[in-house]
Amino acid sequence: MCKRWNLCCSLKKELNIGYEESIQFLRKRRSIRKYKDKEINNDDIVKLIKMARYSPTGHNSQTAGWHVINGKEKVNKIAGW
């Protein structure tokens, strides 16, 4: 296990997906342009960020970072609405 990044982990073979499942997943991806008027709880945001850290980066530098802006009013203010 990697001590520095804690990113190396054993993968569960029972969760592997095959070729057909992979193609279905990738072809279903869509950009969302209409959003629900519902806030996301902080635990779900943390889970998404933890999941995103496994995304590939150039030279595996892991230099990606996130700024979470929670709250419709704050987002609207930043967007200039």
PDB file of N, CA and C in Angstrom:
ATOM      1  N   MET A   1       0.840  -1.185   0.000  1.00  0.00           N
ATOM      2  CA  MET A   1       0.000   0.000   0.000  1.00  0.00           C
ATOM      3  C   MET A   1       0.883   1.246   0.000  1.00  0.00           C
ATOM      4  N   CYS A   2       0.513   2.232  -0.790  1.00  0.00           N
ATOM      5  CA  CYS A   2       1.287   3.469  -0.851  1.00  0.00           C
ATOM      6  C   CYS A   2       1.084   4.262   0.432  1.00  0.00           C
ATOM      7  N   LYS A   3       2.163   4.597   1.095  1.00  0.00           N
ATOM      8  CA  LYS A   3       2.045   5.358   2.327  1.00  0.00           C
ATOM      9  C   LYS A   3       1.808   6.833   2.053  1.00  0.00           C
ATOM     10  N   ARG A   4       2.446   7.348   0.989  1.00  0.00           N
ATOM     11  CA  ARG A   4       2.367   8.788   0.741  1.00  0.00           C
ATOM     12  C   ARG A   4       0.977   9.211   0.282  1.00  0.00           C
ATOM     13  N   TRP A   5       0.406   8.517  -0.678  1.00  0.00           N
ATOM     14  CA  TRP A   5      -0.868   8.962  -1.264  1.00  0.00           C
ATOM     15  C   TRP A   5      -2.050   8.127  -0.808  1.00  0.00           C
ATOM     16  N   ASN A   6      -1.810   6.945  -0.297  1.00  0.00           N
ATOM     17  CA  ASN A   6      -2.882   6.051   0.117  1.00  0.00           C
ATOM     18  C   ASN A   6      -3.832   5.772  -1.050  1.00  0.00           C
ATOM     19  N   LEU A   7      -3.297   5.710  -2.280  1.00  0.00           N
ATOM     20  CA  LEU A   7      -4.126   5.479  -3.455  1.00  0.00           C
ATOM     21  C   LEU A   7      -4.071   4.044  -3.953  1.00  0.00           C
ATOM     22  N   CYS A   8      -3.027   3.329  -3.602  1.00  0.00           N
ATOM     23  CA  CYS A   8      -2.901   1.954  -4.069  1.00  0.00           C
ATOM     24  C   CYS A   8      -3.798   1.073  -3.227  1.00  0.00           C
ATOM     25  N   CYS A   9      -4.634   0.342  -3.890  1.00  0.00           N
ATOM     26  CA  CYS A   9      -5.510  -0.555  -3.137  1.00  0.00           C
ATOM     27  C   CYS A   9      -5.797  -1.776  -3.996  1.00  0.00           C
ATOM     28  N   SER A  10      -6.158  -2.846  -3.356  1.00  0.00           N
ATOM     29  CA  SER A  10      -6.527  -4.025  -4.132  1.00  0.00           C
ATOM     30  C   SER A  10      -7.940  -3.816  -4.663  1.00  0.00           C
ATOM     31  N   LEU A  11      -8.150  -4.265  -5.893  1.00  0.00           N
ATOM     32  CA  LEU A  11      -9.455  -4.109  -6.526  1.00  0.00           C
ATOM     33  C   LEU A  11     -10.273  -5.374  -6.316  1.00  0.00           C
ATOM     34  N   LYS A  12     -11.566  -5.211  -6.132  1.00  0.00           N
ATOM     35  CA  LYS A  12     -12.462  -6.349  -5.925  1.00  0.00           C
ATOM     36  C   LYS A  12     -12.843  -6.939  -7.273  1.00  0.00           C
ATOM     37  N   LYS A  13     -12.449  -8.167  -7.523  1.00  0.00           N
ATOM     38  CA  LYS A  13     -12.716  -8.814  -8.812  1.00  0.00           C
ATOM     39  C   LYS A  13     -14.212  -8.940  -9.074  1.00  0.00           C
ATOM     40  N   GLU A  14     -15.024  -9.092  -8.038  1.00  0.00           N
ATOM     41  CA  GLU A  14     -16.471  -9.252  -8.232  1.00  0.00           C
ATOM     42  C   GLU A  14     -17.130  -7.964  -8.731  1.00  0.00           C
ATOM     43  N   LEU A  15     -16.413  -6.841  -8.653  1.00  0.00           N
ATOM     44  CA  LEU A  15     -16.961  -5.576  -9.136  1.00  0.00           C
ATOM     45  C   LEU A  15     -16.465  -5.217 -10.533  1.00  0.00           C
ATOM     46  N   ASN A  16     -15.611  -6.049 -11.128  1.00  0.00           N
ATOM     47  CA  ASN A  16     -15.148  -5.807 -12.495  1.00  0.00           C
ATOM     48  C   ASN A  16     -16.330  -5.848 -13.455  1.00  0.00           C
ATOM     49  N   ILE A  17     -16.268  -4.995 -14.480  1.00  0.00           N
ATOM     50  CA  ILE A  17     -17.300  -5.020 -15.508  1.00  0.00           C
ATOM     51  C   ILE A  17     -16.658  -5.441 -16.817  1.00  0.00           C
ATOM     52  N   GLY A  18     -17.451  -6.088 -17.654  1.00  0.00           N
ATOM     53  CA  GLY A  18     -16.943  -6.583 -18.921  1.00  0.00           C
ATOM     54  C   GLY A  18     -17.015  -5.526 -20.011  1.00  0.00           C
ATOM     55  N   TYR A  19     -16.652  -5.952 -21.204  1.00  0.00           N
ATOM     56  CA  TYR A  19     -16.607  -5.070 -22.361  1.00  0.00           C
ATOM     57  C   TYR A  19     -17.972  -4.434 -22.629  1.00  0.00           C
ATOM     58  N   GLU A  20     -19.020  -5.238 -22.692  1.00  0.00           N
ATOM     59  CA  GLU A  20     -20.358  -4.722 -23.003  1.00  0.00           C
ATOM     60  C   GLU A  20     -20.830  -3.710 -21.963  1.00  0.00           C
ATOM     61  N   GLU A  21     -20.582  -3.976 -20.694  1.00  0.00           N
ATOM     62  CA  GLU A  21     -20.970  -3.030 -19.643  1.00  0.00           C
ATOM     63  C   GLU A  21     -20.179  -1.733 -19.765  1.00  0.00           C
ATOM     64  N   SER A  22     -18.896  -1.858 -20.104  1.00  0.00           N
ATOM     65  CA  SER A  22     -18.057  -0.668 -20.272  1.00  0.00           C
ATOM     66  C   SER A  22     -18.569   0.207 -21.410  1.00  0.00           C
ATOM     67  N   ILE A  23     -18.879  -0.416 -22.545  1.00  0.00           N
ATOM     68  CA  ILE A  23     -19.399   0.326 -23.694  1.00  0.00           C
ATOM     69  C   ILE A  23     -20.722   0.996 -23.336  1.00  0.00           C
ATOM     70  N   GLN A  24     -21.601   0.280 -22.679  1.00  0.00           N
ATOM     71  CA  GLN A  24     -22.902   0.844 -22.281  1.00  0.00           C
ATOM     72  C   GLN A  24     -22.702   2.048 -21.366  1.00  0.00           C
ATOM     73  N   PHE A  25     -21.817   1.927 -20.411  1.00  0.00           N
ATOM     74  CA  PHE A  25     -21.560   3.024 -19.477  1.00  0.00           C
ATOM     75  C   PHE A  25     -21.034   4.255 -20.213  1.00  0.00           C
ATOM     76  N   LEU A  26     -20.050   4.062 -21.076  1.00  0.00           N
ATOM     77  CA  LEU A  26     -19.444   5.190 -21.778  1.00  0.00           C
ATOM     78  C   LEU A  26     -20.393   5.821 -22.787  1.00  0.00           C
ATOM     79  N   ARG A  27     -21.244   5.058 -23.416  1.00  0.00           N
ATOM     80  CA  ARG A  27     -22.177   5.611 -24.397  1.00  0.00           C
ATOM     81  C   ARG A  27     -23.350   6.333 -23.741  1.00  0.00           C
ATOM     82  N   LYS A  28     -23.641   6.030 -22.490  1.00  0.00           N
ATOM     83  CA  LYS A  28     -24.755   6.680 -21.780  1.00  0.00           C
ATOM     84  C   LYS A  28     -24.374   8.036 -21.213  1.00  0.00           C
ATOM     85  N   ARG A  29     -23.085   8.352 -21.157  1.00  0.00           N
ATOM     86  CA  ARG A  29     -22.656   9.605 -20.543  1.00  0.00           C
ATOM     87  C   ARG A  29     -23.251  10.788 -21.274  1.00  0.00           C
ATOM     88  N   ARG A  30     -23.732  11.747 -20.536  1.00  0.00           N
ATOM     89  CA  ARG A  30     -24.320  12.948 -21.112  1.00  0.00           C
ATOM     90  C   ARG A  30     -23.941  14.146 -20.251  1.00  0.00           C
ATOM     91  N   SER A  31     -23.929  15.298 -20.884  1.00  0.00           N
ATOM     92  CA  SER A  31     -23.760  16.541 -20.140  1.00  0.00           C
ATOM     93  C   SER A  31     -25.131  16.950 -19.603  1.00  0.00           C
ATOM     94  N   ILE A  32     -25.159  17.408 -18.389  1.00  0.00           N
ATOM     95  CA  ILE A  32     -26.418  17.831 -17.779  1.00  0.00           C
ATOM     96  C   ILE A  32     -26.508  19.347 -17.873  1.00  0.00           C
ATOM     97  N   ARG A  33     -27.594  19.809 -18.441  1.00  0.00           N
ATOM     98  CA  ARG A  33     -27.782  21.251 -18.587  1.00  0.00           C
ATOM     99  C   ARG A  33     -29.026  21.743 -17.869  1.00  0.00           C
ATOM    100  N   LYS A  34     -29.802  20.829 -17.344  1.00  0.00           N
ATOM    101  CA  LYS A  34     -30.998  21.199 -16.582  1.00  0.00           C
ATOM    102  C   LYS A  34     -30.847  20.554 -15.203  1.00  0.00           C
ATOM    103  N   TYR A  35     -30.788  21.377 -14.192  1.00  0.00           N
ATOM    104  CA  TYR A  35     -30.480  20.895 -12.857  1.00  0.00           C
ATOM    105  C   TYR A  35     -31.711  20.916 -11.971  1.00  0.00           C
ATOM    106  N   LYS A  36     -31.747  20.024 -11.021  1.00  0.00           N
ATOM    107  CA  LYS A  36     -32.823  19.994 -10.041  1.00  0.00           C
ATOM    108  C   LYS A  36     -32.581  21.075  -9.004  1.00  0.00           C
ATOM    109  N   ASP A  37     -33.626  21.600  -8.456  1.00  0.00           N
ATOM    110  CA  ASP A  37     -33.526  22.612  -7.410  1.00  0.00           C
ATOM    111  C   ASP A  37     -33.393  21.907  -6.058  1.00  0.00           C
ATOM    112  N   LYS A  38     -32.269  21.249  -5.881  1.00  0.00           N
ATOM    113  CA  LYS A  38     -32.041  20.432  -4.689  1.00  0.00           C
ATOM    114  C   LYS A  38     -30.566  20.509  -4.319  1.00  0.00           C
ATOM    115  N   GLU A  39     -30.280  20.771  -3.064  1.00  0.00           N
ATOM    116  CA  GLU A  39     -28.878  20.828  -2.624  1.00  0.00           C
ATOM    117  C   GLU A  39     -28.340  19.418  -2.395  1.00  0.00           C
ATOM    118  N   ILE A  40     -27.056  19.276  -2.611  1.00  0.00           N
ATOM    119  CA  ILE A  40     -26.374  18.002  -2.386  1.00  0.00           C
ATOM    120  C   ILE A  40     -25.739  18.057  -1.004  1.00  0.00           C
ATOM    121  N   ASN A  41     -25.903  16.979  -0.243  1.00  0.00           N
ATOM    122  CA  ASN A  41     -25.338  17.019   1.114  1.00  0.00           C
ATOM    123  C   ASN A  41     -23.819  16.863   1.056  1.00  0.00           C
ATOM    124  N   ASN A  42     -23.169  17.362   2.075  1.00  0.00           N
ATOM    125  CA  ASN A  42     -21.698  17.400   2.114  1.00  0.00           C
ATOM    126  C   ASN A  42     -21.060  16.016   2.056  1.00  0.00           C
ATOM    127  N   ASP A  43     -21.699  15.014   2.650  1.00  0.00           N
ATOM    128  CA  ASP A  43     -21.132  13.653   2.607  1.00  0.00           C
ATOM    129  C   ASP A  43     -21.038  13.149   1.173  1.00  0.00           C
ATOM    130  N   ASP A  44     -22.050  13.436   0.350  1.00  0.00           N
ATOM    131  CA  ASP A  44     -22.021  13.008  -1.049  1.00  0.00           C
ATOM    132  C   ASP A  44     -20.945  13.758  -1.825  1.00  0.00           C
ATOM    133  N   ILE A  45     -20.747  15.029  -1.524  1.00  0.00           N
ATOM    134  CA  ILE A  45     -19.700  15.811  -2.184  1.00  0.00           C
ATOM    135  C   ILE A  45     -18.329  15.229  -1.854  1.00  0.00           C
ATOM    136  N   VAL A  46     -18.106  14.890  -0.600  1.00  0.00           N
ATOM    137  CA  VAL A  46     -16.828  14.294  -0.189  1.00  0.00           C
ATOM    138  C   VAL A  46     -16.610  12.965  -0.899  1.00  0.00           C
ATOM    139  N   LYS A  47     -17.648  12.137  -1.018  1.00  0.00           N
ATOM    140  CA  LYS A  47     -17.527  10.858  -1.718  1.00  0.00           C
ATOM    141  C   LYS A  47     -17.145  11.064  -3.184  1.00  0.00           C
ATOM    142  N   LEU A  48     -17.764  12.039  -3.830  1.00  0.00           N
ATOM    143  CA  LEU A  48     -17.456  12.315  -5.236  1.00  0.00           C
ATOM    144  C   LEU A  48     -16.014  12.779  -5.410  1.00  0.00           C
ATOM    145  N   ILE A  49     -15.541  13.627  -4.509  1.00  0.00           N
ATOM    146  CA  ILE A  49     -14.163  14.103  -4.601  1.00  0.00           C
ATOM    147  C   ILE A  49     -13.185  12.952  -4.362  1.00  0.00           C
ATOM    148  N   LYS A  50     -13.477  12.094  -3.389  1.00  0.00           N
ATOM    149  CA  LYS A  50     -12.611  10.935  -3.150  1.00  0.00           C
ATOM    150  C   LYS A  50     -12.565  10.029  -4.370  1.00  0.00           C
ATOM    151  N   MET A  51     -13.714   9.859  -5.037  1.00  0.00           N
ATOM    152  CA  MET A  51     -13.769   9.032  -6.233  1.00  0.00           C
ATOM    153  C   MET A  51     -12.988   9.680  -7.371  1.00  0.00           C
ATOM    154  N   ALA A  52     -13.099  10.987  -7.518  1.00  0.00           N
ATOM    155  CA  ALA A  52     -12.455  11.702  -8.622  1.00  0.00           C
ATOM    156  C   ALA A  52     -10.936  11.681  -8.514  1.00  0.00           C
ATOM    157  N   ARG A  53     -10.408  11.494  -7.351  1.00  0.00           N
ATOM    158  CA  ARG A  53      -8.948  11.508  -7.216  1.00  0.00           C
ATOM    159  C   ARG A  53      -8.285  10.328  -7.908  1.00  0.00           C
ATOM    160  N   TYR A  54      -9.061   9.334  -8.287  1.00  0.00           N
ATOM    161  CA  TYR A  54      -8.525   8.194  -9.025  1.00  0.00           C
ATOM    162  C   TYR A  54      -8.472   8.462 -10.527  1.00  0.00           C
ATOM    163  N   SER A  55      -8.959   9.613 -10.970  1.00  0.00           N
ATOM    164  CA  SER A  55      -8.902   9.959 -12.394  1.00  0.00           C
ATOM    165  C   SER A  55      -7.452  10.109 -12.820  1.00  0.00           C
ATOM    166  N   PRO A  56      -7.153   9.685 -14.047  1.00  0.00           N
ATOM    167  CA  PRO A  56      -5.762   9.802 -14.506  1.00  0.00           C
ATOM    168  C   PRO A  56      -5.329  11.257 -14.670  1.00  0.00           C
ATOM    169  N   THR A  57      -4.067  11.515 -14.397  1.00  0.00           N
ATOM    170  CA  THR A  57      -3.481  12.836 -14.612  1.00  0.00           C
ATOM    171  C   THR A  57      -2.165  12.653 -15.360  1.00  0.00           C
ATOM    172  N   GLY A  58      -1.701  13.715 -15.992  1.00  0.00           N
ATOM    173  CA  GLY A  58      -0.437  13.640 -16.722  1.00  0.00           C
ATOM    174  C   GLY A  58       0.701  13.256 -15.801  1.00  0.00           C
ATOM    175  N   HIS A  59       1.450  12.261 -16.194  1.00  0.00           N
ATOM    176  CA  HIS A  59       2.594  11.764 -15.409  1.00  0.00           C
ATOM    177  C   HIS A  59       2.175  11.325 -14.006  1.00  0.00           C
ATOM    178  N   ASN A  60       0.890  11.031 -13.834  1.00  0.00           N
ATOM    179  CA  ASN A  60       0.343  10.621 -12.532  1.00  0.00           C
ATOM    180  C   ASN A  60       0.709  11.627 -11.444  1.00  0.00           C
ATOM    181  N   SER A  61       0.667  12.907 -11.802  1.00  0.00           N
ATOM    182  CA  SER A  61       1.087  13.959 -10.872  1.00  0.00           C
ATOM    183  C   SER A  61       0.056  14.238  -9.779  1.00  0.00           C
ATOM    184  N   GLN A  62      -1.182  13.847 -10.010  1.00  0.00           N
ATOM    185  CA  GLN A  62      -2.250  14.031  -9.014  1.00  0.00           C
ATOM    186  C   GLN A  62      -2.335  15.488  -8.541  1.00  0.00           C
ATOM    187  N   THR A  63      -2.219  16.420  -9.474  1.00  0.00           N
ATOM    188  CA  THR A  63      -2.222  17.840  -9.115  1.00  0.00           C
ATOM    189  C   THR A  63      -3.608  18.474  -9.175  1.00  0.00           C
ATOM    190  N   ALA A  64      -4.633  17.696  -9.449  1.00  0.00           N
ATOM    191  CA  ALA A  64      -5.992  18.247  -9.534  1.00  0.00           C
ATOM    192  C   ALA A  64      -6.463  18.696  -8.154  1.00  0.00           C
ATOM    193  N   GLY A  65      -7.288  19.728  -8.156  1.00  0.00           N
ATOM    194  CA  GLY A  65      -7.870  20.222  -6.913  1.00  0.00           C
ATOM    195  C   GLY A  65      -9.299  20.666  -7.159  1.00  0.00           C
ATOM    196  N   TRP A  66     -10.056  20.834  -6.118  1.00  0.00           N
ATOM    197  CA  TRP A  66     -11.452  21.207  -6.242  1.00  0.00           C
ATOM    198  C   TRP A  66     -11.772  22.355  -5.296  1.00  0.00           C
ATOM    199  N   HIS A  67     -12.647  23.221  -5.766  1.00  0.00           N
ATOM    200  CA  HIS A  67     -13.246  24.258  -4.931  1.00  0.00           C
ATOM    201  C   HIS A  67     -14.730  23.963  -4.900  1.00  0.00           C
ATOM    202  N   VAL A  68     -15.269  23.716  -3.739  1.00  0.00           N
ATOM    203  CA  VAL A  68     -16.690  23.403  -3.600  1.00  0.00           C
ATOM    204  C   VAL A  68     -17.416  24.655  -3.149  1.00  0.00           C
ATOM    205  N   ILE A  69     -18.383  25.064  -3.945  1.00  0.00           N
ATOM    206  CA  ILE A  69     -19.206  26.219  -3.613  1.00  0.00           C
ATOM    207  C   ILE A  69     -20.609  25.685  -3.403  1.00  0.00           C
ATOM    208  N   ASN A  70     -21.037  25.698  -2.182  1.00  0.00           N
ATOM    209  CA  ASN A  70     -22.314  25.101  -1.827  1.00  0.00           C
ATOM    210  C   ASN A  70     -23.324  26.201  -1.531  1.00  0.00           C
ATOM    211  N   GLY A  71     -24.465  26.094  -2.123  1.00  0.00           N
ATOM    212  CA  GLY A  71     -25.529  27.065  -1.892  1.00  0.00           C
ATOM    213  C   GLY A  71     -25.878  27.801  -3.172  1.00  0.00           C
ATOM    214  N   LYS A  72     -27.149  27.798  -3.506  1.00  0.00           N
ATOM    215  CA  LYS A  72     -27.625  28.388  -4.755  1.00  0.00           C
ATOM    216  C   LYS A  72     -27.288  29.879  -4.853  1.00  0.00           C
ATOM    217  N   GLU A  73     -27.422  30.596  -3.750  1.00  0.00           N
ATOM    218  CA  GLU A  73     -27.153  32.035  -3.771  1.00  0.00           C
ATOM    219  C   GLU A  73     -25.690  32.323  -4.101  1.00  0.00           C
ATOM    220  N   LYS A  74     -24.791  31.573  -3.497  1.00  0.00           N
ATOM    221  CA  LYS A  74     -23.366  31.756  -3.766  1.00  0.00           C
ATOM    222  C   LYS A  74     -23.029  31.443  -5.212  1.00  0.00           C
ATOM    223  N   VAL A  75     -23.575  30.363  -5.729  1.00  0.00           N
ATOM    224  CA  VAL A  75     -23.308  29.980  -7.110  1.00  0.00           C
ATOM    225  C   VAL A  75     -23.842  31.048  -8.067  1.00  0.00           C
ATOM    226  N   ASN A  76     -25.051  31.518  -7.822  1.00  0.00           N
ATOM    227  CA  ASN A  76     -25.633  32.573  -8.663  1.00  0.00           C
ATOM    228  C   ASN A  76     -24.815  33.857  -8.626  1.00  0.00           C
ATOM    229  N   LYS A  77     -24.301  34.195  -7.452  1.00  0.00           N
ATOM    230  CA  LYS A  77     -23.488  35.403  -7.322  1.00  0.00           C
ATOM    231  C   LYS A  77     -22.200  35.269  -8.149  1.00  0.00           C
ATOM    232  N   ILE A  78     -21.552  34.130  -8.045  1.00  0.00           N
ATOM    233  CA  ILE A  78     -20.320  33.896  -8.799  1.00  0.00           C
ATOM    234  C   ILE A  78     -20.617  33.888 -10.301  1.00  0.00           C
ATOM    235  N   ALA A  79     -21.744  33.310 -10.687  1.00  0.00           N
ATOM    236  CA  ALA A  79     -22.116  33.220 -12.106  1.00  0.00           C
ATOM    237  C   ALA A  79     -22.588  34.573 -12.638  1.00  0.00           C
ATOM    238  N   GLY A  80     -22.838  35.533 -11.751  1.00  0.00           N
ATOM    239  CA  GLY A  80     -23.307  36.839 -12.181  1.00  0.00           C
ATOM    240  C   GLY A  80     -24.785  36.904 -12.488  1.00  0.00           C
ATOM    241  N   TRP A  81     -25.569  36.014 -11.876  1.00  0.00           N
ATOM    242  CA  TRP A  81     -27.015  36.010 -12.103  1.00  0.00           C
ATOM    243  C   TRP A  81     -27.736  36.800 -11.070  1.00  0.00           C
TER     244      TRP A  81
END
